[in-house]
């Protein structure tokens, strides 16, 4: 025993796993390359975190201008047009339901009822805008 420890101590020191020393670049060029790699990694990590944790705010939806309602049309005109459209859809759905078989007919009549309820709601709103007494 050269250093004065017991056999168990010598065996423990011999088998002990020692971590590798940290990597230290040997030349300034290697140091520059390592610094560039670390900067690129940091940028990539930041982009990934920003993408998943800080998404861009949603852009407001731009409506299509193919069918555009003039912004200065009064509410009464809009409600009157909606009421007429719903009445037409109600009639079309009823006529279509008459031509269908049993299961499809029930579906068409359910759609007609939804249209009719929407028509009633629009009529009530129209009455509030321009009460006819």
Protein backbone atom coordinates (compact mmCIF):
# COMPACT_ATOMS: atom_id res chain seq x y z
CA UNK A 1 0.00 0.00 0.00
CA UNK A 2 1.72 3.05 -1.28
CA UNK A 3 -0.63 5.70 -0.05
CA UNK A 4 -1.66 4.13 3.25
CA UNK A 5 -5.27 3.08 2.71
CA UNK A 6 -6.90 -0.29 3.18
CA UNK A 7 -7.55 -2.69 0.32
CA UNK A 8 -11.25 -1.66 0.18
CA UNK A 9 -10.31 2.03 -0.07
CA UNK A 10 -7.77 1.34 -2.80
CA UNK A 11 -10.31 -0.72 -4.76
CA UNK A 12 -12.96 2.04 -4.40
CA UNK A 13 -10.58 4.72 -5.67
CA UNK A 14 -9.45 2.53 -8.54
CA UNK A 15 -13.05 1.78 -9.69
CA UNK A 16 -14.39 5.27 -9.04
CA UNK A 17 -15.85 6.87 -12.14
CA UNK A 18 -14.40 10.31 -12.68
CA UNK A 19 -16.31 12.57 -15.07
CA UNK A 20 -14.52 13.93 -18.07
CA UNK A 21 -13.20 17.43 -17.63
CA UNK A 22 -15.21 20.14 -19.41
CA UNK A 23 -14.33 20.69 -23.05
CA UNK A 24 -11.98 23.61 -23.47
CA UNK A 25 -11.17 24.62 -27.02
CA UNK A 26 -7.50 24.51 -27.83
CA UNK A 27 -7.44 27.34 -30.38
CA UNK A 28 -9.21 30.67 -30.78
CA UNK A 29 -10.83 29.35 -33.97
CA UNK A 30 -12.36 26.42 -32.09
CA UNK A 31 -13.57 28.84 -29.39
CA UNK A 32 -15.24 31.02 -32.04
CA UNK A 33 -16.91 28.01 -33.68
CA UNK A 34 -18.15 26.79 -30.30
CA UNK A 35 -19.52 30.25 -29.46
CA UNK A 36 -21.32 30.43 -32.84
CA UNK A 37 -22.84 26.98 -32.31
CA UNK A 38 -24.05 27.96 -28.84
CA UNK A 39 -25.58 31.19 -30.20
CA UNK A 40 -27.37 29.27 -32.99
CA UNK A 41 -28.68 26.76 -30.46
CA UNK A 42 -29.94 29.56 -28.21
CA UNK A 43 -31.70 31.23 -31.17
CA UNK A 44 -33.34 27.95 -32.21
CA UNK A 45 -34.47 27.26 -28.65
CA UNK A 46 -35.88 30.79 -28.33
CA UNK A 47 -37.78 30.46 -31.64
CA UNK A 48 -39.23 27.10 -30.60
CA UNK A 49 -40.32 28.41 -27.20
CA UNK A 50 -41.79 31.57 -28.73
CA UNK A 51 -43.67 29.51 -31.30
CA UNK A 52 -45.29 27.23 -28.72
CA UNK A 53 -45.57 29.53 -25.71
CA UNK A 54 -46.06 32.99 -27.24
CA UNK A 55 -47.94 32.64 -30.52
CA UNK A 56 -48.59 35.72 -32.61
CA UNK A 57 -51.94 37.30 -31.86
CA UNK A 58 -54.63 36.21 -34.28
CA UNK A 59 -55.10 38.61 -37.13
CA UNK A 60 -58.62 39.95 -37.48
CA UNK A 61 -60.62 38.11 -40.11
CA UNK A 62 -61.19 40.06 -43.28
CA UNK A 63 -64.65 39.33 -44.68
CA UNK A 64 -64.99 38.54 -48.34
CA UNK A 65 -65.96 41.49 -50.47
CA UNK A 66 -67.79 39.35 -53.03
CA UNK A 67 -71.12 39.91 -51.28
CA UNK A 68 -70.79 43.04 -49.20
CA UNK A 69 -73.62 44.72 -47.32
CA UNK A 70 -73.32 48.47 -47.34
CA UNK A 71 -72.38 49.66 -43.84
CA UNK A 72 -74.87 52.54 -43.88
CA UNK A 73 -78.01 50.41 -44.46
CA UNK A 74 -80.49 50.85 -41.63
CA UNK A 75 -81.38 48.03 -39.27
CA UNK A 76 -85.01 47.89 -40.38
CA UNK A 77 -84.03 47.16 -43.98
CA UNK A 78 -81.60 44.46 -42.91
CA UNK A 79 -84.22 42.78 -40.71
CA UNK A 80 -86.87 43.00 -43.45
CA UNK A 81 -84.52 41.33 -45.95
CA UNK A 82 -83.58 38.62 -43.42
CA UNK A 83 -87.27 37.99 -42.72
CA UNK A 84 -88.06 37.61 -46.43
CA UNK A 85 -85.07 35.29 -46.95
CA UNK A 86 -86.12 33.09 -44.03
CA UNK A 87 -89.72 32.95 -45.29
CA UNK A 88 -88.44 31.81 -48.70
CA UNK A 89 -86.18 29.18 -47.11
CA UNK A 90 -89.13 27.98 -45.00
CA UNK A 91 -91.30 27.51 -48.09
CA UNK A 92 -88.52 25.81 -50.08
CA UNK A 93 -87.76 23.40 -47.24
CA UNK A 94 -91.46 22.51 -46.85
CA UNK A 95 -91.80 21.80 -50.58
CA UNK A 96 -88.61 19.74 -50.56
CA UNK A 97 -89.74 17.74 -47.51
CA UNK A 98 -92.95 16.74 -49.34
CA UNK A 99 -90.86 14.96 -51.98
CA UNK A 100 -88.72 12.93 -49.55
CA UNK A 101 -89.13 9.54 -47.89
CA UNK A 102 -89.74 9.08 -44.18
CA UNK A 103 -86.26 9.48 -42.54
CA UNK A 104 -85.10 12.28 -44.83
CA UNK A 105 -88.48 14.00 -44.51
CA UNK A 106 -88.07 14.24 -40.73
CA UNK A 107 -84.67 15.87 -41.18
CA UNK A 108 -86.00 18.38 -43.70
CA UNK A 109 -88.94 19.23 -41.43
CA UNK A 110 -86.55 19.77 -38.52
CA UNK A 111 -84.55 22.19 -40.69
CA UNK A 112 -87.80 23.92 -41.64
CA UNK A 113 -88.68 24.33 -37.97
CA UNK A 114 -85.29 25.92 -37.22
CA UNK A 115 -85.81 28.33 -40.10
CA UNK A 116 -89.30 29.14 -38.84
CA UNK A 117 -87.97 29.90 -35.33
CA UNK A 118 -85.32 32.20 -36.81
CA UNK A 119 -88.01 33.90 -38.87
CA UNK A 120 -90.09 34.49 -35.73
CA UNK A 121 -87.10 36.00 -33.92
CA UNK A 122 -86.33 38.34 -36.84
CA UNK A 123 -90.00 39.37 -37.05
CA UNK A 124 -89.98 40.22 -33.32
CA UNK A 125 -86.80 42.29 -33.75
CA UNK A 126 -88.39 44.04 -36.75
CA UNK A 127 -91.48 44.84 -34.66
CA UNK A 128 -89.26 46.43 -32.01
CA UNK A 129 -87.43 48.57 -34.58
CA UNK A 130 -90.60 49.77 -36.33
CA UNK A 131 -93.70 48.96 -34.26
CA UNK A 132 -96.76 49.07 -36.51
CA UNK A 133 -99.72 50.25 -34.47
